[in-house]
Structure formats: C-alpha cells, structure tokens
Amino acid sequence: GISTEAFVPLSSALGSGKLGGCLSSLAFFYTGTPSLQSCLVALQSVRVPSLSRLVFYGVILPRDELLGVVRGGSVPGLKTLSLRDCSVYLEELDGLFVAAADGKLAELAELEIDI
C-alpha cells in the first residue's frame, strides 16, 4: 500500500482543480479510510466534469463523503460507479439511490455493487 502521506498531495491536487481538466478515472484499492476521506472531501470542493469512472475496491467507504461527491454534483459526467468488496452502510446505498432519483446521476450507465 501507499503511505498515508502520499494522499496529502493527491487531496490538494484534487481540491485545487488541477486534475479537473482531463482526469477520467479515479480508483481506490485497499485505501485507508482517513486517506480516502481526505480525497473525497477534496473532490467535493471542485467540479471535475471529465471524471466518468469512480471505483472503490476493498475499502470502508466513508459514509457522508461519497454522498457529498455524488449529490453535490462535483462529478456531473459520472458514468461508472463501482463498489467492490467494500464495507458500505445500508443508509449509504439508500443515499446513492436517492441521489439517482434526484437526477444527480443522470449520466450513470454502470452501477456495480458487489459487497
């Protein structure tokens, strides 16, 4: 795994919008929760219209941060959302489906939930 310190510059790059131009895919595999939280919080603060694919594999998903990203409209072009081998709260899935019902996931073409 990557040390937690490595996620500090990633968070600031996401939060500054410097990765917003052409970043199309963001995947987290076996990432520690604080690191994942800081990246998702940073992602909430910007719009990344080019981001079309979010993948989480083997993580404990932070409850509010993922919903903040999805419902806040920071990734309006999201086409693929994949949660595999993740620990997810039922309320969180509810929130995702509410976001979908609200039209926040209008572009979503692939939703993969394998938990």
Foldseek 3Di string as FASTA:
>chain_A
DDDLVVLVVVLVCLLVCVCQPAAAEDEDALDAPVSQQSNLVSLLNAARQNHAYYYYHQEAHDQVSVLSNQQSLSHQQHAEYAYANYRYDPVSVVSVVVSVVVVSNVNHNYYHYHD
